[in-house]
């Protein structure tokens, strides 16, 4: 497989200004749509595979069947998505570490999406074996098997459905490792992933894969234009949440939450009696 090596430098930009608006195709000079390894100071920071070798049709079928939810993010942007994999403890909602709702509501689709984490891991290991092994070792050491996606280094993920995401940095992942993003397009114009600090964008072609550290590289999605009624753009992002490091076994998680709830009820009774 012939692959292009592209050295880049980080530009000085007004990050605060960029994070308050959507991405534009004019924000970068180079649109990448071929197999490319992006380097900075001799270090590999991004890998883009225009089309993976594996059959992705089961994934596409699952994505089309998933029931998505629409919500408003803190920046006001309306997005349609669904998370998969595992979620950390949520004390406010009295939720233990757990598999997300998609696992019980649509188990077949959830299983298919999880399966392709191994494909993402394969390309991760192929193009940056040192970082992939570091990432895998962090998961092996800190995350119980109950909360990892298959044999991969990832714990969690999200499916985005036609989302022109504003510029942002990812949050909550392990430090200095990569996430993996598959993209699927049908009758779509635009929807490029823009990285203005590097002056590059990625076309995110159908069945493409992008590997990069979304916590350290600002990124956003340019406007999405549908050219037919059935047009669609999906991205499937696999990542590793550091909060999963504190998760105990499922049984211990449930016991912990019961004890926490009992403590709260006792405090309520004490406060009422005072």
Foldseek 3Di string as FASTA:
>chain_A
DDEAEAEFAFADDDVVVQQLDFDAPVLFDAEDQDFYFYDYPRHTFKTKHNADPDDCVVLVVLVVPDDWDWDADPSGFIFIKDKFFWDDDDLVVLRHTDTDPCCVPPVVSRLSLLVCLVVQLVVCCVPPVVLQVVLLVVCVPQADPRQARDSGSFRMKMKTKQGQFGKDADDQFDPPHKKKKQKAWDQKDFFWKDQSRRSYIYRRYHNMMMIHHRNVTIIGGHHIDHPDPPIIMMMMMTTHGPSNSPHDPPVVRNVVSVVSVVVVVVVVVVVVVD
